Amino acid sequence: MTTRMAEPIRTFRHFRDVPQNIWRWKDFSPAEIACRGTGQLKLHPEALDKLQALRDRLGKPLIVRSAYRSPVHNASLKGAAPRSKHMDGTAFDIAMANHDPVVFEKAAREVGFLGFGYYPRSGFMHIDLGPARSWGEKFPVRPVPFAPEAPPAREALAESRTLKGTGAAGVATIGAAGVEVAQDVLAEAQGAILPLVPYLDTLRYVLIALALAGLAIVIYARLDDWQKGHR
């Protein structure tokens, strides 16, 4: 049985120094994970794998408030733990603005995070690789869970009666205008094409009728939608 060797933990002076070919976490960028104060980045593959797994499980963006912190930056923050896991690159503070904290915590535990800190007043939850522990006052349970992120049902553009009517009216109007231009041009070339001129009047009236029909379709569709509550 072969044992997979742990990937090395690497530190970069600045997140711009991270080679593109080693960054495999598709929903995050080095800038998001780097130290907010210095731009330094400690790349911890195991922690980032779990963060990506959490993102995949939840199916929603994770707003990273804080990830890696350099020792200098960590020391400058009021209330930061002197031995914070952020300095190891194994901790993340994630905003709860777009997440149900209960669902988020459950998913985070399932992918392997062990340490949890609750900061409801600041609107984020701390997660790290452990040891297993928790602190802070938990987020209050939301009376109404987040609704599924599905786009509202709308009439397909290609099937929209309003667009069909508007398109027909537009085409017919442009066509009628084009006929007038063509009529003027043909009138100047009476010699060869004079027999065609009388038919252009008829064509123009046909296209105008088509335009009026298209507008009638638009008005009918709007009234029908209004009656059905599709405003």
C-alpha atoms as a PDB file:
ATOM      1  CA  MET A   1       0.000   0.000   0.000  1.00  0.00           C
ATOM      2  CA  THR A   2       1.476   3.358  -1.014  1.00  0.00           C
ATOM      3  CA  THR A   3       1.191   6.382   1.209  1.00  0.00           C
ATOM      4  CA  ARG A   4       0.732   9.741  -0.414  1.00  0.00           C
ATOM      5  CA  MET A   5       3.448  12.121   0.677  1.00  0.00           C
ATOM      6  CA  ALA A   6       2.313  15.416   2.133  1.00  0.00           C
ATOM      7  CA  GLU A   7       2.883  18.339  -0.174  1.00  0.00           C
ATOM      8  CA  PRO A   8       5.412  20.888   1.028  1.00  0.00           C
ATOM      9  CA  ILE A   9       4.264  24.093   2.703  1.00  0.00           C
ATOM     10  CA  ARG A  10       5.855  27.025   0.899  1.00  0.00           C
ATOM     11  CA  THR A  11       6.127  30.670   1.847  1.00  0.00           C
ATOM     12  CA  PHE A  12       6.275  33.428  -0.748  1.00  0.00           C
ATOM     13  CA  ARG A  13       7.447  36.974  -0.180  1.00  0.00           C
ATOM     14  CA  HIS A  14       4.449  38.252  -2.089  1.00  0.00           C
ATOM     15  CA  PHE A  15       1.385  36.557  -3.556  1.00  0.00           C
ATOM     16  CA  ARG A  16       2.434  37.722  -7.037  1.00  0.00           C
ATOM     17  CA  ASP A  17       5.449  35.406  -6.730  1.00  0.00           C
ATOM     18  CA  VAL A  18       3.288  32.252  -6.632  1.00  0.00           C
ATOM     19  CA  PRO A  19       3.821  30.306  -9.898  1.00  0.00           C
ATOM     20  CA  GLN A  20       0.587  29.850 -11.814  1.00  0.00           C
ATOM     21  CA  ASN A  21       1.323  26.205 -12.528  1.00  0.00           C
ATOM     22  CA  ILE A  22       1.182  25.222  -8.838  1.00  0.00           C
ATOM     23  CA  TRP A  23      -2.053  27.075  -8.005  1.00  0.00           C
ATOM     24  CA  ARG A  24      -4.883  24.560  -8.431  1.00  0.00           C
ATOM     25  CA  TRP A  25      -7.649  26.044  -6.259  1.00  0.00           C
ATOM     26  CA  LYS A  26     -10.032  27.242  -8.941  1.00  0.00           C
ATOM     27  CA  ASP A  27     -12.388  29.344  -6.818  1.00  0.00           C
ATOM     28  CA  PHE A  28      -9.690  31.287  -4.979  1.00  0.00           C
ATOM     29  CA  SER A  29      -6.767  33.470  -5.928  1.00  0.00           C
ATOM     30  CA  PRO A  30      -3.400  33.943  -4.200  1.00  0.00           C
ATOM     31  CA  ALA A  31      -4.447  37.526  -3.396  1.00  0.00           C
ATOM     32  CA  GLU A  32      -7.468  36.260  -1.413  1.00  0.00           C
ATOM     33  CA  ILE A  33      -5.330  33.924   0.693  1.00  0.00           C
ATOM     34  CA  ALA A  34      -2.354  36.260   1.208  1.00  0.00           C
ATOM     35  CA  CYS A  35      -1.668  38.398   4.247  1.00  0.00           C
ATOM     36  CA  ARG A  36      -3.767  41.563   4.173  1.00  0.00           C
ATOM     37  CA  GLY A  37      -1.016  43.617   5.747  1.00  0.00           C
ATOM     38  CA  THR A  38       2.128  42.506   3.901  1.00  0.00           C
ATOM     39  CA  GLY A  39       1.047  40.562   0.807  1.00  0.00           C
ATOM     40  CA  GLN A  40       3.060  37.550   1.972  1.00  0.00           C
ATOM     41  CA  LEU A  41       1.596  34.098   1.431  1.00  0.00           C
ATOM     42  CA  LYS A  42       2.151  30.776   3.164  1.00  0.00           C
ATOM     43  CA  LEU A  43       0.787  28.159   0.807  1.00  0.00           C
ATOM     44  CA  HIS A  44      -0.597  25.252   2.863  1.00  0.00           C
ATOM     45  CA  PRO A  45      -1.948  22.707   0.311  1.00  0.00           C
ATOM     46  CA  GLU A  46      -3.961  20.631   2.800  1.00  0.00           C
ATOM     47  CA  ALA A  47      -5.769  23.671   4.186  1.00  0.00           C
ATOM     48  CA  LEU A  48      -6.510  25.020   0.714  1.00  0.00           C
ATOM     49  CA  ASP A  49      -7.756  21.604  -0.439  1.00  0.00           C
ATOM     50  CA  LYS A  50     -10.263  21.608   2.413  1.00  0.00           C
ATOM     51  CA  LEU A  51     -11.271  25.193   1.653  1.00  0.00           C
ATOM     52  CA  GLN A  52     -11.934  24.288  -1.992  1.00  0.00           C
ATOM     53  CA  ALA A  53     -13.844  21.162  -0.898  1.00  0.00           C
ATOM     54  CA  LEU A  54     -16.014  23.353   1.337  1.00  0.00           C
ATOM     55  CA  ARG A  55     -16.678  25.734  -1.551  1.00  0.00           C
ATOM     56  CA  ASP A  56     -17.656  22.801  -3.785  1.00  0.00           C
ATOM     57  CA  ARG A  57     -19.938  21.301  -1.142  1.00  0.00           C
ATOM     58  CA  LEU A  58     -21.788  24.552  -0.442  1.00  0.00           C
ATOM     59  CA  GLY A  59     -22.028  25.589  -4.085  1.00  0.00           C
ATOM     60  CA  LYS A  60     -21.719  29.262  -3.121  1.00  0.00           C
ATOM     61  CA  PRO A  61     -18.835  31.739  -3.105  1.00  0.00           C
ATOM     62  CA  LEU A  62     -16.811  31.986   0.103  1.00  0.00           C
ATOM     63  CA  ILE A  63     -15.951  35.572   1.051  1.00  0.00           C
ATOM     64  CA  VAL A  64     -12.545  35.260   2.735  1.00  0.00           C
ATOM     65  CA  ARG A  65     -12.165  38.022   5.319  1.00  0.00           C
ATOM     66  CA  SER A  66      -8.765  36.799   6.496  1.00  0.00           C
ATOM     67  CA  ALA A  67      -6.532  33.843   5.644  1.00  0.00           C
ATOM     68  CA  TYR A  68      -2.744  33.820   6.081  1.00  0.00           C
ATOM     69  CA  ARG A  69      -1.270  36.450   8.398  1.00  0.00           C
ATOM     70  CA  SER A  70       2.397  37.198   8.674  1.00  0.00           C
ATOM     71  CA  PRO A  71       3.677  37.312  12.276  1.00  0.00           C
ATOM     72  CA  VAL A  72       4.221  41.068  11.955  1.00  0.00           C
ATOM     73  CA  HIS A  73       0.684  41.693  10.734  1.00  0.00           C
ATOM     74  CA  ASN A  74      -0.835  39.327  13.303  1.00  0.00           C
ATOM     75  CA  ALA A  75       0.947  41.174  16.120  1.00  0.00           C
ATOM     76  CA  SER A  76      -0.474  44.478  14.875  1.00  0.00           C
ATOM     77  CA  LEU A  77      -4.093  43.295  15.125  1.00  0.00           C
ATOM     78  CA  LYS A  78      -5.983  44.042  18.311  1.00  0.00           C
ATOM     79  CA  GLY A  79      -7.291  40.866  19.912  1.00  0.00           C
ATOM     80  CA  ALA A  80      -5.424  38.457  17.615  1.00  0.00           C
ATOM     81  CA  ALA A  81      -4.151  35.313  19.329  1.00  0.00           C
ATOM     82  CA  PRO A  82      -0.336  35.360  19.673  1.00  0.00           C
ATOM     83  CA  ARG A  83      -0.186  31.804  18.293  1.00  0.00           C
ATOM     84  CA  SER A  84      -2.959  32.207  15.774  1.00  0.00           C
ATOM     85  CA  LYS A  85      -3.467  29.424  13.240  1.00  0.00           C
ATOM     86  CA  HIS A  86      -3.633  32.160  10.623  1.00  0.00           C
ATOM     87  CA  MET A  87       0.164  32.379  10.857  1.00  0.00           C
ATOM     88  CA  ASP A  88       0.363  28.696   9.854  1.00  0.00           C
ATOM     89  CA  GLY A  89      -1.812  29.234   6.794  1.00  0.00           C
ATOM     90  CA  THR A  90      -4.381  26.768   8.151  1.00  0.00           C
ATOM     91  CA  ALA A  91      -7.132  29.198   9.227  1.00  0.00           C
ATOM     92  CA  PHE A  92      -9.745  31.201   7.382  1.00  0.00           C
ATOM     93  CA  ASP A  93     -12.291  33.790   8.473  1.00  0.00           C
ATOM     94  CA  ILE A  94     -15.347  33.462   6.212  1.00  0.00           C
ATOM     95  CA  ALA A  95     -18.149  36.037   5.999  1.00  0.00           C
ATOM     96  CA  MET A  96     -21.637  34.720   6.716  1.00  0.00           C
ATOM     97  CA  ALA A  97     -23.404  37.338   4.591  1.00  0.00           C
ATOM     98  CA  ASN A  98     -24.340  34.758   1.952  1.00  0.00           C
ATOM     99  CA  HIS A  99     -24.442  31.629   4.123  1.00  0.00           C
ATOM    100  CA  ASP A 100     -26.612  30.040   6.762  1.00  0.00           C
ATOM    101  CA  PRO A 101     -24.121  29.596   9.644  1.00  0.00           C
ATOM    102  CA  VAL A 102     -25.643  26.263  10.671  1.00  0.00           C
ATOM    103  CA  VAL A 103     -25.352  24.827   7.171  1.00  0.00           C
ATOM    104  CA  PHE A 104     -21.886  26.329   6.770  1.00  0.00           C
ATOM    105  CA  GLU A 105     -20.540  24.839   9.999  1.00  0.00           C
ATOM    106  CA  LYS A 106     -21.952  21.397   9.217  1.00  0.00           C
ATOM    107  CA  ALA A 107     -20.320  21.402   5.780  1.00  0.00           C
ATOM    108  CA  ALA A 108     -17.017  22.686   7.196  1.00  0.00           C
ATOM    109  CA  ARG A 109     -16.903  19.846   9.719  1.00  0.00           C
ATOM    110  CA  GLU A 110     -17.707  17.317   7.010  1.00  0.00           C
ATOM    111  CA  VAL A 111     -14.723  18.366   4.881  1.00  0.00           C
ATOM    112  CA  GLY A 112     -12.325  18.223   7.839  1.00  0.00           C
ATOM    113  CA  PHE A 113     -12.148  21.571   9.633  1.00  0.00           C
ATOM    114  CA  LEU A 114     -11.857  21.141  13.400  1.00  0.00           C
ATOM    115  CA  GLY A 115     -11.474  24.594  14.973  1.00  0.00           C
ATOM    116  CA  PHE A 116     -14.420  27.007  14.983  1.00  0.00           C
ATOM    117  CA  GLY A 117     -14.695  30.571  16.224  1.00  0.00           C
ATOM    118  CA  TYR A 118     -18.020  32.425  16.115  1.00  0.00           C
ATOM    119  CA  TYR A 119     -18.162  36.180  15.563  1.00  0.00           C
ATOM    120  CA  PRO A 120     -21.812  37.081  14.933  1.00  0.00           C
ATOM    121  CA  ARG A 121     -21.309  40.779  15.652  1.00  0.00           C
ATOM    122  CA  SER A 122     -18.582  40.981  13.025  1.00  0.00           C
ATOM    123  CA  GLY A 123     -20.441  38.664  10.667  1.00  0.00           C
ATOM    124  CA  PHE A 124     -17.851  35.924  10.116  1.00  0.00           C
ATOM    125  CA  MET A 125     -16.881  32.440  11.255  1.00  0.00           C
ATOM    126  CA  HIS A 126     -13.316  31.283  11.866  1.00  0.00           C
ATOM    127  CA  ILE A 127     -12.402  27.779  10.702  1.00  0.00           C
ATOM    128  CA  ASP A 128      -9.063  25.984  10.947  1.00  0.00           C
ATOM    129  CA  LEU A 129      -7.476  22.537  10.777  1.00  0.00           C
ATOM    130  CA  GLY A 130      -7.423  22.046  14.525  1.00  0.00           C
ATOM    131  CA  PRO A 131      -7.029  20.930  17.192  1.00  0.00           C
ATOM    132  CA  ALA A 132     -10.747  20.462  17.720  1.00  0.00           C
ATOM    133  CA  ARG A 133     -12.149  23.348  19.756  1.00  0.00           C
ATOM    134  CA  SER A 134     -14.613  26.216  19.533  1.00  0.00           C
ATOM    135  CA  TRP A 135     -15.113  29.630  21.073  1.00  0.00           C
ATOM    136  CA  GLY A 136     -17.409  32.617  20.932  1.00  0.00           C
ATOM    137  CA  GLU A 137     -21.180  32.957  20.915  1.00  0.00           C
ATOM    138  CA  LYS A 138     -22.857  31.004  18.119  1.00  0.00           C
ATOM    139  CA  PHE A 139     -24.834  32.779  15.441  1.00  0.00           C
ATOM    140  CA  PRO A 140     -28.565  33.040  16.164  1.00  0.00           C
ATOM    141  CA  VAL A 141     -30.664  30.613  14.165  1.00  0.00           C
ATOM    142  CA  ARG A 142     -32.218  32.386  11.217  1.00  0.00           C
ATOM    143  CA  PRO A 143     -36.022  32.136  11.166  1.00  0.00           C
ATOM    144  CA  VAL A 144     -36.069  31.833   7.386  1.00  0.00           C
ATOM    145  CA  PRO A 145     -33.337  29.853   5.601  1.00  0.00           C
ATOM    146  CA  PHE A 146     -31.771  31.092   2.404  1.00  0.00           C
ATOM    147  CA  ALA A 147     -33.938  30.432  -0.630  1.00  0.00           C
ATOM    148  CA  PRO A 148     -32.386  28.256  -3.345  1.00  0.00           C
ATOM    149  CA  GLU A 149     -30.329  30.319  -5.730  1.00  0.00           C
ATOM    150  CA  ALA A 150     -32.375  29.613  -8.854  1.00  0.00           C
ATOM    151  CA  PRO A 151     -33.133  32.226 -11.488  1.00  0.00           C
ATOM    152  CA  PRO A 152     -36.804  33.227 -11.676  1.00  0.00           C
ATOM    153  CA  ALA A 153     -38.855  31.491 -14.319  1.00  0.00           C
ATOM    154  CA  ARG A 154     -39.109  33.735 -17.315  1.00  0.00           C
ATOM    155  CA  GLU A 155     -40.532  33.344 -20.750  1.00  0.00           C
ATOM    156  CA  ALA A 156     -37.756  32.387 -23.159  1.00  0.00           C
ATOM    157  CA  LEU A 157     -36.725  35.330 -25.280  1.00  0.00           C
ATOM    158  CA  ALA A 158     -37.173  33.368 -28.460  1.00  0.00           C
ATOM    159  CA  GLU A 159     -40.737  32.469 -27.400  1.00  0.00           C
ATOM    160  CA  SER A 160     -41.751  35.887 -26.105  1.00  0.00           C
ATOM    161  CA  ARG A 161     -44.876  37.129 -27.830  1.00  0.00           C
ATOM    162  CA  THR A 162     -43.903  40.697 -27.023  1.00  0.00           C
ATOM    163  CA  LEU A 163     -40.514  40.310 -28.688  1.00  0.00           C
ATOM    164  CA  LYS A 164     -42.068  38.542 -31.638  1.00  0.00           C
ATOM    165  CA  GLY A 165     -44.548  41.347 -32.130  1.00  0.00           C
ATOM    166  CA  THR A 166     -41.932  44.039 -31.607  1.00  0.00           C
ATOM    167  CA  GLY A 167     -39.568  42.286 -34.021  1.00  0.00           C
ATOM    168  CA  ALA A 168     -42.252  41.992 -36.678  1.00  0.00           C
ATOM    169  CA  ALA A 169     -43.200  45.631 -36.287  1.00  0.00           C
ATOM    170  CA  GLY A 170     -39.567  46.709 -36.443  1.00  0.00           C
ATOM    171  CA  VAL A 171     -38.783  44.679 -39.530  1.00  0.00           C
ATOM    172  CA  ALA A 172     -41.899  45.892 -41.276  1.00  0.00           C
ATOM    173  CA  THR A 173     -41.248  49.534 -40.376  1.00  0.00           C
ATOM    174  CA  ILE A 174     -37.676  49.348 -41.630  1.00  0.00           C
ATOM    175  CA  GLY A 175     -38.914  47.580 -44.723  1.00  0.00           C
ATOM    176  CA  ALA A 176     -41.483  50.292 -45.427  1.00  0.00           C
ATOM    177  CA  ALA A 177     -38.853  52.992 -45.031  1.00  0.00           C
ATOM    178  CA  GLY A 178     -36.566  51.049 -47.327  1.00  0.00           C
ATOM    179  CA  VAL A 179     -39.259  50.851 -49.944  1.00  0.00           C
ATOM    180  CA  GLU A 180     -39.621  54.649 -49.905  1.00  0.00           C
ATOM    181  CA  VAL A 181     -35.881  55.047 -50.387  1.00  0.00           C
ATOM    182  CA  ALA A 182     -35.908  52.464 -53.169  1.00  0.00           C
ATOM    183  CA  GLN A 183     -38.843  54.213 -54.777  1.00  0.00           C
ATOM    184  CA  ASP A 184     -36.946  57.495 -54.872  1.00  0.00           C
ATOM    185  CA  VAL A 185     -33.902  55.811 -56.346  1.00  0.00           C
ATOM    186  CA  LEU A 186     -35.943  53.985 -58.937  1.00  0.00           C
ATOM    187  CA  ALA A 187     -37.778  57.149 -59.853  1.00  0.00           C
ATOM    188  CA  GLU A 188     -34.444  58.638 -60.874  1.00  0.00           C
ATOM    189  CA  ALA A 189     -33.814  55.661 -63.144  1.00  0.00           C
ATOM    190  CA  GLN A 190     -37.153  55.752 -64.874  1.00  0.00           C
ATOM    191  CA  GLY A 191     -35.773  54.647 -68.179  1.00  0.00           C
ATOM    192  CA  ALA A 192     -35.013  51.011 -67.420  1.00  0.00           C
ATOM    193  CA  ILE A 193     -37.105  50.289 -64.327  1.00  0.00           C
ATOM    194  CA  LEU A 194     -40.118  52.517 -64.703  1.00  0.00           C
ATOM    195  CA  PRO A 195     -42.516  49.540 -65.009  1.00  0.00           C
ATOM    196  CA  LEU A 196     -41.607  48.437 -61.460  1.00  0.00           C
ATOM    197  CA  VAL A 197     -42.514  51.685 -59.725  1.00  0.00           C
ATOM    198  CA  PRO A 198     -46.301  51.108 -59.432  1.00  0.00           C
ATOM    199  CA  TYR A 199     -45.743  47.819 -57.597  1.00  0.00           C
ATOM    200  CA  LEU A 200     -43.652  49.519 -54.922  1.00  0.00           C
ATOM    201  CA  ASP A 201     -46.671  51.393 -53.587  1.00  0.00           C
ATOM    202  CA  THR A 202     -48.507  48.118 -53.075  1.00  0.00           C
ATOM    203  CA  LEU A 203     -45.489  46.560 -51.333  1.00  0.00           C
ATOM    204  CA  ARG A 204     -45.182  49.556 -49.038  1.00  0.00           C
ATOM    205  CA  TYR A 205     -48.818  49.253 -47.908  1.00  0.00           C
ATOM    206  CA  VAL A 206     -48.386  45.525 -47.291  1.00  0.00           C
ATOM    207  CA  LEU A 207     -45.379  46.164 -45.041  1.00  0.00           C
ATOM    208  CA  ILE A 208     -47.187  48.940 -43.167  1.00  0.00           C
ATOM    209  CA  ALA A 209     -50.053  46.527 -42.538  1.00  0.00           C
ATOM    210  CA  LEU A 210     -47.566  43.991 -41.209  1.00  0.00           C
ATOM    211  CA  ALA A 211     -46.131  46.623 -38.851  1.00  0.00           C
ATOM    212  CA  LEU A 212     -49.585  47.429 -37.500  1.00  0.00           C
ATOM    213  CA  ALA A 213     -50.250  43.730 -36.964  1.00  0.00           C
ATOM    214  CA  GLY A 214     -47.012  43.403 -35.013  1.00  0.00           C
ATOM    215  CA  LEU A 215     -47.961  46.313 -32.770  1.00  0.00           C
ATOM    216  CA  ALA A 216     -51.343  44.721 -32.170  1.00  0.00           C
ATOM    217  CA  ILE A 217     -49.589  41.532 -31.015  1.00  0.00           C
ATOM    218  CA  VAL A 218     -47.469  43.570 -28.574  1.00  0.00           C
ATOM    219  CA  ILE A 219     -50.526  45.297 -27.090  1.00  0.00           C
ATOM    220  CA  TYR A 220     -52.424  42.018 -26.769  1.00  0.00           C
ATOM    221  CA  ALA A 221     -49.459  40.272 -25.104  1.00  0.00           C
ATOM    222  CA  ARG A 222     -49.039  43.092 -22.582  1.00  0.00           C
ATOM    223  CA  LEU A 223     -52.745  43.060 -21.686  1.00  0.00           C
ATOM    224  CA  ASP A 224     -52.746  39.280 -21.384  1.00  0.00           C
ATOM    225  CA  ASP A 225     -49.655  39.299 -19.133  1.00  0.00           C
ATOM    226  CA  TRP A 226     -51.179  42.062 -16.984  1.00  0.00           C
ATOM    227  CA  GLN A 227     -54.343  40.035 -16.501  1.00  0.00           C
ATOM    228  CA  LYS A 228     -52.285  36.969 -15.481  1.00  0.00           C
ATOM    229  CA  GLY A 229     -50.078  38.970 -13.118  1.00  0.00           C
ATOM    230  CA  HIS A 230     -46.947  38.770 -15.298  1.00  0.00           C
ATOM    231  CA  ARG A 231     -45.930  42.383 -14.910  1.00  0.00           C
END
